Amino acid sequence: SILKIGQIKTSPPYQSQRVMHNNAGK
């Protein structure tokens, strides 16, 4: 349960950085 919560919490930032990278690359 704790591990799942940690992964979910690290999921949003990961996608956010990916979107920022995509925008910068464009």
Protein backbone atom coordinates (compact mmCIF):
# COMPACT_ATOMS: atom_id res chain seq x y z
CA SER A 1 0.00 0.00 0.00
CA ILE A 2 2.75 2.45 1.02
CA LEU A 3 4.77 1.53 -2.06
CA LYS A 4 1.76 2.10 -4.32
CA ILE A 5 1.15 5.51 -2.76
CA GLY A 6 4.79 6.45 -3.35
CA GLN A 7 4.62 5.38 -6.98
CA ILE A 8 1.39 7.29 -7.56
CA LYS A 9 2.90 10.39 -5.93
CA THR A 10 5.91 10.13 -8.24
CA SER A 11 3.67 9.61 -11.27
CA PRO A 12 2.21 13.14 -11.59
CA PRO A 13 5.59 14.94 -11.46
CA TYR A 14 7.03 12.51 -14.02
CA GLN A 15 4.26 13.25 -16.54
CA SER A 16 4.46 16.97 -15.79
CA GLN A 17 8.19 17.00 -16.59
CA ARG A 18 7.56 14.97 -19.76
CA VAL A 19 4.98 17.52 -20.95
CA MET A 20 7.37 20.39 -20.18
CA HIS A 21 10.14 18.63 -22.09
CA ASN A 22 7.82 18.04 -25.03
CA ASN A 23 6.82 21.70 -25.07
CA ALA A 24 10.46 22.83 -24.91
CA GLY A 25 11.43 20.42 -27.71
CA LYS A 26 8.62 21.73 -29.90
